[in-house]
Amino acid sequence: KDEDQLKEYIEKIEQKTYRMKQLTDHLFEYSLVTGNDEIRLESPEFFE
């Protein structure tokens, strides 16, 4: 209808794009941590 609705559509596209990026980032992170690569724990240190 007007410029305000145009901005609204663009903001929704941006939100959905950010949502897609967030989902793909989570998927990429999950694929990394569930791999077979072993990690080496660091030296013991106080919790604080």
All heavy atoms as atom14 arrays in JSON, in Angstrom:
{
  "sequence": "KDEDQLKEYIEKIEQKTYRMKQLTDHLFEYSLVTGNDEIRLESPEFFE",
  "atom14_mask": [
    [1, 1, 1, 1, 1, 1, 1, 1, 1, 0, 0, 0, 0, 0],
    [1, 1, 1, 1, 1, 1, 1, 1, 0, 0, 0, 0, 0, 0],
    [1, 1, 1, 1, 1, 1, 1, 1, 1, 0, 0, 0, 0, 0],
    [1, 1, 1, 1, 1, 1, 1, 1, 0, 0, 0, 0, 0, 0],
    [1, 1, 1, 1, 1, 1, 1, 1, 1, 0, 0, 0, 0, 0],
    [1, 1, 1, 1, 1, 1, 1, 1, 0, 0, 0, 0, 0, 0],
    [1, 1, 1, 1, 1, 1, 1, 1, 1, 0, 0, 0, 0, 0],
    [1, 1, 1, 1, 1, 1, 1, 1, 1, 0, 0, 0, 0, 0],
    [1, 1, 1, 1, 1, 1, 1, 1, 1, 1, 1, 1, 0, 0],
    [1, 1, 1, 1, 1, 1, 1, 1, 0, 0, 0, 0, 0, 0],
    [1, 1, 1, 1, 1, 1, 1, 1, 1, 0, 0, 0, 0, 0],
    [1, 1, 1, 1, 1, 1, 1, 1, 1, 0, 0, 0, 0, 0],
    [1, 1, 1, 1, 1, 1, 1, 1, 0, 0, 0, 0, 0, 0],
    [1, 1, 1, 1, 1, 1, 1, 1, 1, 0, 0, 0, 0, 0],
    [1, 1, 1, 1, 1, 1, 1, 1, 1, 0, 0, 0, 0, 0],
    [1, 1, 1, 1, 1, 1, 1, 1, 1, 0, 0, 0, 0, 0],
    [1, 1, 1, 1, 1, 1, 1, 0, 0, 0, 0, 0, 0, 0],
    [1, 1, 1, 1, 1, 1, 1, 1, 1, 1, 1, 1, 0, 0],
    [1, 1, 1, 1, 1, 1, 1, 1, 1, 1, 1, 0, 0, 0],
    [1, 1, 1, 1, 1, 1, 1, 1, 0, 0, 0, 0, 0, 0],
    [1, 1, 1, 1, 1, 1, 1, 1, 1, 0, 0, 0, 0, 0],
    [1, 1, 1, 1, 1, 1, 1, 1, 1, 0, 0, 0, 0, 0],
    [1, 1, 1, 1, 1, 1, 1, 1, 0, 0, 0, 0, 0, 0],
    [1, 1, 1, 1, 1, 1, 1, 0, 0, 0, 0, 0, 0, 0],
    [1, 1, 1, 1, 1, 1, 1, 1, 0, 0, 0, 0, 0, 0],
    [1, 1, 1, 1, 1, 1, 1, 1, 1, 1, 0, 0, 0, 0],
    [1, 1, 1, 1, 1, 1, 1, 1, 0, 0, 0, 0, 0, 0],
    [1, 1, 1, 1, 1, 1, 1, 1, 1, 1, 1, 0, 0, 0],
    [1, 1, 1, 1, 1, 1, 1, 1, 1, 0, 0, 0, 0, 0],
    [1, 1, 1, 1, 1, 1, 1, 1, 1, 1, 1, 1, 0, 0],
    [1, 1, 1, 1, 1, 1, 0, 0, 0, 0, 0, 0, 0, 0],
    [1, 1, 1, 1, 1, 1, 1, 1, 0, 0, 0, 0, 0, 0],
    [1, 1, 1, 1, 1, 1, 1, 0, 0, 0, 0, 0, 0, 0],
    [1, 1, 1, 1, 1, 1, 1, 0, 0, 0, 0, 0, 0, 0],
    [1, 1, 1, 1, 0, 0, 0, 0, 0, 0, 0, 0, 0, 0],
    [1, 1, 1, 1, 1, 1, 1, 1, 0, 0, 0, 0, 0, 0],
    [1, 1, 1, 1, 1, 1, 1, 1, 0, 0, 0, 0, 0, 0],
    [1, 1, 1, 1, 1, 1, 1, 1, 1, 0, 0, 0, 0, 0],
    [1, 1, 1, 1, 1, 1, 1, 1, 0, 0, 0, 0, 0, 0],
    [1, 1, 1, 1, 1, 1, 1, 1, 1, 1, 1, 0, 0, 0],
    [1, 1, 1, 1, 1, 1, 1, 1, 0, 0, 0, 0, 0, 0],
    [1, 1, 1, 1, 1, 1, 1, 1, 1, 0, 0, 0, 0, 0],
    [1, 1, 1, 1, 1, 1, 0, 0, 0, 0, 0, 0, 0, 0],
    [1, 1, 1, 1, 1, 1, 1, 0, 0, 0, 0, 0, 0, 0],
    [1, 1, 1, 1, 1, 1, 1, 1, 1, 0, 0, 0, 0, 0],
    [1, 1, 1, 1, 1, 1, 1, 1, 1, 1, 1, 0, 0, 0],
    [1, 1, 1, 1, 1, 1, 1, 1, 1, 1, 1, 0, 0, 0],
    [1, 1, 1, 1, 1, 1, 1, 1, 1, 0, 0, 0, 0, 0]
  ],
  "atom14_positions": [
    [[0.81, -1.22, 0.0], [0.0, 0.0, 0.0], [0.84, 1.26, 0.0], [0.58, 2.2, -0.73], [-0.93, -0.01, 1.22], [-1.91, -1.16, 1.21], [-2.77, -1.15, 2.47], [-3.76, -2.32, 2.48], [-4.57, -2.33, 3.72], [0.0, 0.0, 0.0], [0.0, 0.0, 0.0], [0.0, 0.0, 0.0], [0.0, 0.0, 0.0], [0.0, 0.0, 0.0]],
    [[1.84, 1.26, 0.89], [2.63, 2.49, 1.05], [4.04, 2.11, 1.46], [4.41, 0.93, 1.53], [1.97, 3.41, 2.08], [1.62, 2.66, 3.36], [2.28, 1.63, 3.66], [0.68, 3.08, 4.06], [0.0, 0.0, 0.0], [0.0, 0.0, 0.0], [0.0, 0.0, 0.0], [0.0, 0.0, 0.0], [0.0, 0.0, 0.0], [0.0, 0.0, 0.0]],
    [[4.83, 3.12, 1.79], [6.22, 2.91, 2.18], [6.32, 2.16, 3.5], [7.25, 1.37, 3.7], [6.93, 4.27, 2.29], [7.15, 4.98, 0.98], [8.1, 4.23, 0.09], [9.05, 3.58, 0.61], [7.91, 4.24, -1.15], [0.0, 0.0, 0.0], [0.0, 0.0, 0.0], [0.0, 0.0, 0.0], [0.0, 0.0, 0.0], [0.0, 0.0, 0.0]],
    [[5.4, 2.39, 4.4], [5.44, 1.68, 5.7], [5.25, 0.18, 5.5], [5.94, -0.64, 6.13], [4.33, 2.23, 6.61], [4.6, 3.65, 7.06], [5.81, 4.03, 7.05], [3.65, 4.35, 7.43], [0.0, 0.0, 0.0], [0.0, 0.0, 0.0], [0.0, 0.0, 0.0], [0.0, 0.0, 0.0], [0.0, 0.0, 0.0], [0.0, 0.0, 0.0]],
    [[4.33, -0.2, 4.64], [4.13, -1.64, 4.37], [5.33, -2.22, 3.64], [5.69, -3.38, 3.86], [2.85, -1.84, 3.56], [2.41, -3.31, 3.53], [1.09, -3.49, 2.84], [0.83, -2.87, 1.8], [0.23, -4.32, 3.43], [0.0, 0.0, 0.0], [0.0, 0.0, 0.0], [0.0, 0.0, 0.0], [0.0, 0.0, 0.0], [0.0, 0.0, 0.0]],
    [[5.95, -1.41, 2.79], [7.16, -1.86, 2.1], [8.26, -2.17, 3.11], [8.92, -3.21, 3.04], [7.62, -0.79, 1.11], [8.98, -1.05, 0.42], [8.92, -2.33, -0.41], [9.37, 0.15, -0.45], [0.0, 0.0, 0.0], [0.0, 0.0, 0.0], [0.0, 0.0, 0.0], [0.0, 0.0, 0.0], [0.0, 0.0, 0.0], [0.0, 0.0, 0.0]],
    [[8.44, -1.26, 4.08], [9.45, -1.49, 5.11], [9.09, -2.72, 5.96], [9.96, -3.47, 6.38], [9.57, -0.26, 5.99], [10.19, 0.94, 5.29], [10.29, 2.13, 6.23], [10.92, 3.34, 5.52], [11.02, 4.51, 6.43], [0.0, 0.0, 0.0], [0.0, 0.0, 0.0], [0.0, 0.0, 0.0], [0.0, 0.0, 0.0], [0.0, 0.0, 0.0]],
    [[7.81, -2.89, 6.2], [7.36, -4.05, 6.98], [7.72, -5.35, 6.27], [8.2, -6.3, 6.9], [5.85, -3.96, 7.2], [5.3, -5.13, 8.01], [3.78, -5.08, 8.11], [3.17, -4.06, 7.71], [3.2, -6.08, 8.58], [0.0, 0.0, 0.0], [0.0, 0.0, 0.0], [0.0, 0.0, 0.0], [0.0, 0.0, 0.0], [0.0, 0.0, 0.0]],
    [[7.49, -5.4, 4.98], [7.84, -6.6, 4.21], [9.35, -6.85, 4.24], [9.8, -8.0, 4.39], [7.35, -6.46, 2.77], [5.85, -6.55, 2.6], [5.24, -6.23, 1.37], [5.04, -6.97, 3.64], [3.86, -6.32, 1.2], [3.66, -7.04, 3.48], [3.08, -6.72, 2.28], [1.72, -6.81, 2.12], [0.0, 0.0, 0.0], [0.0, 0.0, 0.0]],
    [[10.1, -5.78, 4.07], [11.57, -5.93, 4.09], [12.06, -6.4, 5.46], [12.94, -7.26, 5.55], [12.24, -4.58, 3.7], [11.91, -4.25, 2.23], [13.74, -4.66, 3.9], [12.41, -2.88, 1.79], [0.0, 0.0, 0.0], [0.0, 0.0, 0.0], [0.0, 0.0, 0.0], [0.0, 0.0, 0.0], [0.0, 0.0, 0.0], [0.0, 0.0, 0.0]],
    [[11.48, -5.9, 6.54], [11.86, -6.32, 7.89], [11.52, -7.79, 8.11], [12.28, -8.54, 8.74], [11.15, -5.45, 8.91], [11.71, -4.04, 9.0], [10.93, -3.18, 9.99], [9.93, -3.71, 10.57], [11.32, -2.01, 10.19], [0.0, 0.0, 0.0], [0.0, 0.0, 0.0], [0.0, 0.0, 0.0], [0.0, 0.0, 0.0], [0.0, 0.0, 0.0]],
    [[10.35, -8.23, 7.59], [9.99, -9.63, 7.75], [10.93, -10.54, 6.96], [11.29, -11.64, 7.42], [8.54, -9.84, 7.31], [7.54, -9.26, 8.3], [6.11, -9.58, 7.88], [5.12, -9.05, 8.93], [3.72, -9.35, 8.59], [0.0, 0.0, 0.0], [0.0, 0.0, 0.0], [0.0, 0.0, 0.0], [0.0, 0.0, 0.0], [0.0, 0.0, 0.0]],
    [[11.3, -10.08, 5.77], [12.28, -10.86, 5.01], [13.59, -10.95, 5.77], [14.23, -12.02, 5.83], [12.51, -10.22, 3.62], [11.26, -10.38, 2.75], [13.72, -10.84, 2.93], [11.33, -9.66, 1.41], [0.0, 0.0, 0.0], [0.0, 0.0, 0.0], [0.0, 0.0, 0.0], [0.0, 0.0, 0.0], [0.0, 0.0, 0.0], [0.0, 0.0, 0.0]],
    [[13.99, -9.82, 6.4], [15.23, -9.83, 7.19], [15.13, -10.77, 8.38], [16.06, -11.52, 8.69], [15.52, -8.4, 7.66], [16.83, -8.28, 8.42], [17.09, -6.87, 8.9], [16.18, -6.01, 8.78], [18.19, -6.63, 9.41], [0.0, 0.0, 0.0], [0.0, 0.0, 0.0], [0.0, 0.0, 0.0], [0.0, 0.0, 0.0], [0.0, 0.0, 0.0]],
    [[13.96, -10.76, 9.06], [13.76, -11.65, 10.2], [13.82, -13.12, 9.78], [14.44, -13.95, 10.45], [12.4, -11.35, 10.85], [12.35, -10.0, 11.56], [10.95, -9.7, 12.08], [10.02, -10.52, 11.93], [10.78, -8.53, 12.68], [0.0, 0.0, 0.0], [0.0, 0.0, 0.0], [0.0, 0.0, 0.0], [0.0, 0.0, 0.0], [0.0, 0.0, 0.0]],
    [[13.15, -13.44, 8.68], [13.16, -14.82, 8.21], [14.56, -15.24, 7.77], [14.97, -16.38, 7.99], [12.17, -14.99, 7.06], [10.73, -14.68, 7.42], [10.23, -15.55, 8.55], [8.78, -15.21, 8.92], [8.28, -16.04, 10.04], [0.0, 0.0, 0.0], [0.0, 0.0, 0.0], [0.0, 0.0, 0.0], [0.0, 0.0, 0.0], [0.0, 0.0, 0.0]],
    [[15.28, -14.31, 7.16], [16.66, -14.63, 6.75], [17.54, -14.88, 7.96], [18.36, -15.81, 7.97], [17.23, -13.47, 5.9], [16.37, -13.22, 4.8], [18.62, -13.82, 5.39], [0.0, 0.0, 0.0], [0.0, 0.0, 0.0], [0.0, 0.0, 0.0], [0.0, 0.0, 0.0], [0.0, 0.0, 0.0], [0.0, 0.0, 0.0], [0.0, 0.0, 0.0]],
    [[17.38, -14.04, 8.98], [18.14, -14.24, 10.22], [17.79, -15.57, 10.86], [18.67, -16.28, 11.38], [17.85, -13.09, 11.18], [18.56, -13.23, 12.51], [19.92, -12.95, 12.65], [17.86, -13.67, 13.63], [20.56, -13.09, 13.87], [18.49, -13.82, 14.86], [19.85, -13.53, 14.97], [20.48, -13.69, 16.18], [0.0, 0.0, 0.0], [0.0, 0.0, 0.0]],
    [[16.5, -15.91, 10.8], [16.05, -17.2, 11.34], [16.71, -18.37, 10.61], [17.17, -19.33, 11.21], [14.53, -17.28, 11.22], [13.91, -18.62, 11.55], [14.01, -18.92, 13.0], [13.26, -20.12, 13.33], [13.45, -20.8, 14.45], [14.37, -20.39, 15.31], [12.75, -21.87, 14.7], [0.0, 0.0, 0.0], [0.0, 0.0, 0.0], [0.0, 0.0, 0.0]],
    [[16.78, -18.27, 9.29], [17.44, -19.32, 8.5], [18.91, -19.43, 8.85], [19.46, -20.53, 8.98], [17.28, -19.02, 7.01], [15.88, -19.21, 6.47], [15.77, -18.76, 4.73], [16.96, -19.9, 4.04], [0.0, 0.0, 0.0], [0.0, 0.0, 0.0], [0.0, 0.0, 0.0], [0.0, 0.0, 0.0], [0.0, 0.0, 0.0], [0.0, 0.0, 0.0]],
    [[19.55, -18.27, 9.01], [20.97, -18.28, 9.37], [21.17, -18.93, 10.74], [22.11, -19.71, 10.94], [21.51, -16.85, 9.38], [23.0, -16.78, 9.73], [23.49, -15.35, 9.75], [24.99, -15.3, 10.07], [25.33, -15.91, 11.36], [0.0, 0.0, 0.0], [0.0, 0.0, 0.0], [0.0, 0.0, 0.0], [0.0, 0.0, 0.0], [0.0, 0.0, 0.0]],
    [[20.29, -18.62, 11.66], [20.4, -19.19, 13.0], [20.24, -20.71, 12.95], [20.99, -21.45, 13.61], [19.33, -18.56, 13.89], [19.49, -18.9, 15.37], [18.41, -18.24, 16.18], [17.24, -18.29, 15.85], [18.82, -17.59, 17.26], [0.0, 0.0, 0.0], [0.0, 0.0, 0.0], [0.0, 0.0, 0.0], [0.0, 0.0, 0.0], [0.0, 0.0, 0.0]],
    [[19.28, -21.19, 12.2], [19.06, -22.64, 12.09], [20.25, -23.33, 11.44], [20.69, -24.41, 11.88], [17.79, -22.91, 11.3], [16.47, -22.55, 11.97], [15.3, -22.73, 11.01], [16.26, -23.4, 13.22], [0.0, 0.0, 0.0], [0.0, 0.0, 0.0], [0.0, 0.0, 0.0], [0.0, 0.0, 0.0], [0.0, 0.0, 0.0], [0.0, 0.0, 0.0]],
    [[20.78, -22.74, 10.38], [21.93, -23.36, 9.71], [23.17, -23.32, 10.6], [23.99, -24.25, 10.57], [22.21, -22.65, 8.38], [22.35, -21.24, 8.6], [21.08, -22.9, 7.39], [0.0, 0.0, 0.0], [0.0, 0.0, 0.0], [0.0, 0.0, 0.0], [0.0, 0.0, 0.0], [0.0, 0.0, 0.0], [0.0, 0.0, 0.0], [0.0, 0.0, 0.0]],
    [[23.32, -22.24, 11.39], [24.45, -22.17, 12.32], [24.35, -23.27, 13.36], [25.35, -23.92, 13.71], [24.5, -20.8, 13.01], [24.97, -19.7, 12.07], [25.53, -20.04, 11.0], [24.76, -18.52, 12.39], [0.0, 0.0, 0.0], [0.0, 0.0, 0.0], [0.0, 0.0, 0.0], [0.0, 0.0, 0.0], [0.0, 0.0, 0.0], [0.0, 0.0, 0.0]],
    [[23.15, -23.49, 13.87], [22.95, -24.56, 14.85], [23.26, -25.93, 14.24], [23.87, -26.79, 14.89], [21.52, -24.53, 15.37], [21.26, -23.43, 16.34], [20.0, -23.09, 16.77], [22.11, -22.57, 16.97], [20.07, -22.09, 17.62], [21.35, -21.76, 17.76], [0.0, 0.0, 0.0], [0.0, 0.0, 0.0], [0.0, 0.0, 0.0], [0.0, 0.0, 0.0]],
    [[22.81, -26.12, 13.03], [23.06, -27.41, 12.36], [24.55, -27.62, 12.14], [25.07, -28.73, 12.34], [22.31, -27.46, 11.04], [22.43, -28.77, 10.25], [21.87, -29.92, 11.08], [21.71, -28.67, 8.91], [0.0, 0.0, 0.0], [0.0, 0.0, 0.0], [0.0, 0.0, 0.0], [0.0, 0.0, 0.0], [0.0, 0.0, 0.0], [0.0, 0.0, 0.0]],
    [[25.25, -26.56, 11.73], [26.69, -26.67, 11.51], [27.42, -26.97, 12.82], [28.31, -27.82, 12.87], [27.21, -25.36, 10.9], [28.7, -25.34, 10.69], [29.29, -26.11, 9.71], [29.51, -24.56, 11.5], [30.66, -26.1, 9.52], [30.88, -24.55, 11.33], [31.46, -25.32, 10.33], [0.0, 0.0, 0.0], [0.0, 0.0, 0.0], [0.0, 0.0, 0.0]],
    [[27.0, -26.28, 13.88], [27.62, -26.52, 15.19], [27.37, -27.95, 15.66], [28.26, -28.62, 16.18], [27.07, -25.53, 16.2], [27.71, -25.65, 17.58], [27.11, -24.65, 18.55], [25.93, -24.82, 18.92], [27.82, -23.7, 18.92], [0.0, 0.0, 0.0], [0.0, 0.0, 0.0], [0.0, 0.0, 0.0], [0.0, 0.0, 0.0], [0.0, 0.0, 0.0]],
    [[26.17, -28.43, 15.46], [25.84, -29.8, 15.87], [26.67, -30.83, 15.12], [27.14, -31.81, 15.69], [24.35, -30.05, 15.64], [23.91, -31.45, 15.99], [23.71, -31.83, 17.31], [23.71, -32.41, 15.0], [23.32, -33.11, 17.65], [23.31, -33.7, 15.32], [23.12, -34.03, 16.64], [22.75, -35.31, 16.97], [0.0, 0.0, 0.0], [0.0, 0.0, 0.0]],
    [[26.88, -30.59, 13.82], [27.69, -31.52, 13.02], [29.13, -31.54, 13.5], [29.82, -32.57, 13.42], [27.63, -31.14, 11.54], [28.24, -29.88, 11.32], [0.0, 0.0, 0.0], [0.0, 0.0, 0.0], [0.0, 0.0, 0.0], [0.0, 0.0, 0.0], [0.0, 0.0, 0.0], [0.0, 0.0, 0.0], [0.0, 0.0, 0.0], [0.0, 0.0, 0.0]],
    [[29.61, -30.41, 14.02], [30.99, -30.35, 14.52], [31.15, -31.14, 15.81], [32.08, -31.93, 15.97], [31.43, -28.9, 14.74], [31.68, -28.06, 13.48], [32.04, -26.63, 13.88], [32.79, -28.68, 12.63], [0.0, 0.0, 0.0], [0.0, 0.0, 0.0], [0.0, 0.0, 0.0], [0.0, 0.0, 0.0], [0.0, 0.0, 0.0], [0.0, 0.0, 0.0]],
    [[30.25, -30.92, 16.76], [30.41, -31.52, 18.09], [30.03, -33.0, 18.11], [30.42, -33.73, 19.02], [29.58, -30.76, 19.14], [30.04, -29.33, 19.23], [28.09, -30.84, 18.83], [0.0, 0.0, 0.0], [0.0, 0.0, 0.0], [0.0, 0.0, 0.0], [0.0, 0.0, 0.0], [0.0, 0.0, 0.0], [0.0, 0.0, 0.0], [0.0, 0.0, 0.0]],
    [[29.25, -33.46, 17.12], [28.88, -34.89, 17.09], [29.82, -35.69, 16.23], [29.58, -36.88, 16.01], [27.44, -35.06, 16.57], [27.33, -34.43, 15.28], [26.44, -34.45, 17.53], [0.0, 0.0, 0.0], [0.0, 0.0, 0.0], [0.0, 0.0, 0.0], [0.0, 0.0, 0.0], [0.0, 0.0, 0.0], [0.0, 0.0, 0.0], [0.0, 0.0, 0.0]],
    [[30.89, -35.09, 15.73], [31.85, -35.83, 14.93], [32.68, -36.77, 15.79], [32.57, -36.82, 17.01], [0.0, 0.0, 0.0], [0.0, 0.0, 0.0], [0.0, 0.0, 0.0], [0.0, 0.0, 0.0], [0.0, 0.0, 0.0], [0.0, 0.0, 0.0], [0.0, 0.0, 0.0], [0.0, 0.0, 0.0], [0.0, 0.0, 0.0], [0.0, 0.0, 0.0]],
    [[33.56, -37.53, 15.14], [34.4, -38.51, 15.83], [35.72, -37.94, 16.33], [36.55, -38.66, 16.87], [34.68, -39.7, 14.9], [33.43, -40.48, 14.58], [32.56, -40.62, 15.42], [33.34, -40.97, 13.35], [0.0, 0.0, 0.0], [0.0, 0.0, 0.0], [0.0, 0.0, 0.0], [0.0, 0.0, 0.0], [0.0, 0.0, 0.0], [0.0, 0.0, 0.0]],
    [[35.93, -36.64, 16.08], [37.19, -36.04, 16.5], [37.27, -36.01, 18.02], [36.34, -35.58, 18.71], [37.31, -34.61, 15.96], [37.38, -34.59, 14.44], [37.76, -35.64, 13.87], [37.04, -33.55, 13.84], [0.0, 0.0, 0.0], [0.0, 0.0, 0.0], [0.0, 0.0, 0.0], [0.0, 0.0, 0.0], [0.0, 0.0, 0.0], [0.0, 0.0, 0.0]],
    [[38.42, -36.49, 18.54], [38.63, -36.47, 19.98], [39.16, -35.11, 20.4], [39.86, -34.43, 19.65], [39.61, -37.57, 20.38], [39.11, -38.98, 20.12], [37.93, -39.34, 21.0], [37.85, -38.78, 22.12], [37.1, -40.15, 20.56], [0.0, 0.0, 0.0], [0.0, 0.0, 0.0], [0.0, 0.0, 0.0], [0.0, 0.0, 0.0], [0.0, 0.0, 0.0]],
    [[38.8, -34.71, 21.62], [39.3, -33.45, 22.18], [40.25, -33.75, 23.32], [40.19, -34.83, 23.93], [38.14, -32.56, 22.67], [37.4, -33.25, 23.83], [37.2, -32.21, 21.54], [36.41, -32.34, 24.51], [0.0, 0.0, 0.0], [0.0, 0.0, 0.0], [0.0, 0.0, 0.0], [0.0, 0.0, 0.0], [0.0, 0.0, 0.0], [0.0, 0.0, 0.0]],
    [[41.13, -32.83, 23.6], [42.07, -32.99, 24.71], [41.7, -31.98, 25.79], [41.76, -30.77, 25.57], [43.5, -32.76, 24.23], [44.53, -32.86, 25.36], [45.95, -32.73, 24.83], [46.27, -33.84, 23.94], [47.44, -33.96, 23.33], [48.38, -33.03, 23.5], [47.66, -35.0, 22.54], [0.0, 0.0, 0.0], [0.0, 0.0, 0.0], [0.0, 0.0, 0.0]],
    [[41.28, -32.5, 26.93], [40.9, -31.62, 28.04], [42.12, -30.87, 28.56], [43.24, -31.39, 28.54], [40.26, -32.43, 29.16], [38.94, -33.14, 28.83], [38.42, -33.91, 30.02], [37.89, -32.15, 28.35], [0.0, 0.0, 0.0], [0.0, 0.0, 0.0], [0.0, 0.0, 0.0], [0.0, 0.0, 0.0], [0.0, 0.0, 0.0], [0.0, 0.0, 0.0]],
    [[41.87, -29.68, 29.03], [42.95, -28.85, 29.56], [43.32, -29.28, 30.97], [42.65, -30.12, 31.58], [42.52, -27.38, 29.52], [42.22, -26.9, 28.09], [41.33, -25.68, 28.07], [41.13, -25.05, 29.12], [40.81, -25.35, 26.98], [0.0, 0.0, 0.0], [0.0, 0.0, 0.0], [0.0, 0.0, 0.0], [0.0, 0.0, 0.0], [0.0, 0.0, 0.0]],
    [[44.38, -28.71, 31.5], [44.84, -29.06, 32.85], [43.77, -28.7, 33.87], [43.02, -27.73, 33.69], [46.14, -28.32, 33.17], [47.15, -28.67, 32.24], [0.0, 0.0, 0.0], [0.0, 0.0, 0.0], [0.0, 0.0, 0.0], [0.0, 0.0, 0.0], [0.0, 0.0, 0.0], [0.0, 0.0, 0.0], [0.0, 0.0, 0.0], [0.0, 0.0, 0.0]],
    [[43.66, -29.46, 34.96], [42.65, -29.16, 36.0], [42.83, -27.74, 36.55], [43.96, -27.29, 36.78], [42.92, -30.21, 37.07], [43.59, -31.33, 36.34], [44.41, -30.68, 35.28], [0.0, 0.0, 0.0], [0.0, 0.0, 0.0], [0.0, 0.0, 0.0], [0.0, 0.0, 0.0], [0.0, 0.0, 0.0], [0.0, 0.0, 0.0], [0.0, 0.0, 0.0]],
    [[41.7, -27.05, 36.73], [41.74, -25.69, 37.26], [40.54, -25.49, 38.18], [39.53, -26.18, 38.06], [41.71, -24.68, 36.1], [41.96, -23.24, 36.51], [43.27, -23.07, 37.27], [44.31, -22.93, 36.62], [43.2, -23.12, 38.52], [0.0, 0.0, 0.0], [0.0, 0.0, 0.0], [0.0, 0.0, 0.0], [0.0, 0.0, 0.0], [0.0, 0.0, 0.0]],
    [[40.68, -24.55, 39.12], [39.59, -24.28, 40.05], [38.35, -23.78, 39.31], [38.44, -23.05, 38.32], [40.01, -23.26, 41.1], [40.96, -23.83, 42.13], [42.29, -23.46, 42.13], [40.52, -24.73, 43.09], [43.18, -23.97, 43.07], [41.38, -25.25, 44.03], [42.72, -24.87, 44.02], [0.0, 0.0, 0.0], [0.0, 0.0, 0.0], [0.0, 0.0, 0.0]],
    [[37.19, -24.19, 39.8], [35.9, -23.82, 39.2], [35.77, -22.3, 39.09], [35.3, -21.78, 38.08], [34.78, -24.41, 40.06], [33.41, -24.14, 39.54], [32.9, -24.84, 38.46], [32.61, -23.17, 40.13], [31.63, -24.58, 37.97], [31.34, -22.9, 39.65], [30.84, -23.61, 38.57], [0.0, 0.0, 0.0], [0.0, 0.0, 0.0], [0.0, 0.0, 0.0]],
    [[36.2, -21.58, 40.12], [36.09, -20.12, 40.11], [36.94, -19.5, 39.02], [36.5, -18.57, 38.32], [36.5, -19.57, 41.47], [36.44, -18.04, 41.56], [36.89, -17.53, 42.91], [37.31, -18.34, 43.75], [36.82, -16.3, 43.12], [0.0, 0.0, 0.0], [0.0, 0.0, 0.0], [0.0, 0.0, 0.0], [0.0, 0.0, 0.0], [0.0, 0.0, 0.0]]
  ]
}
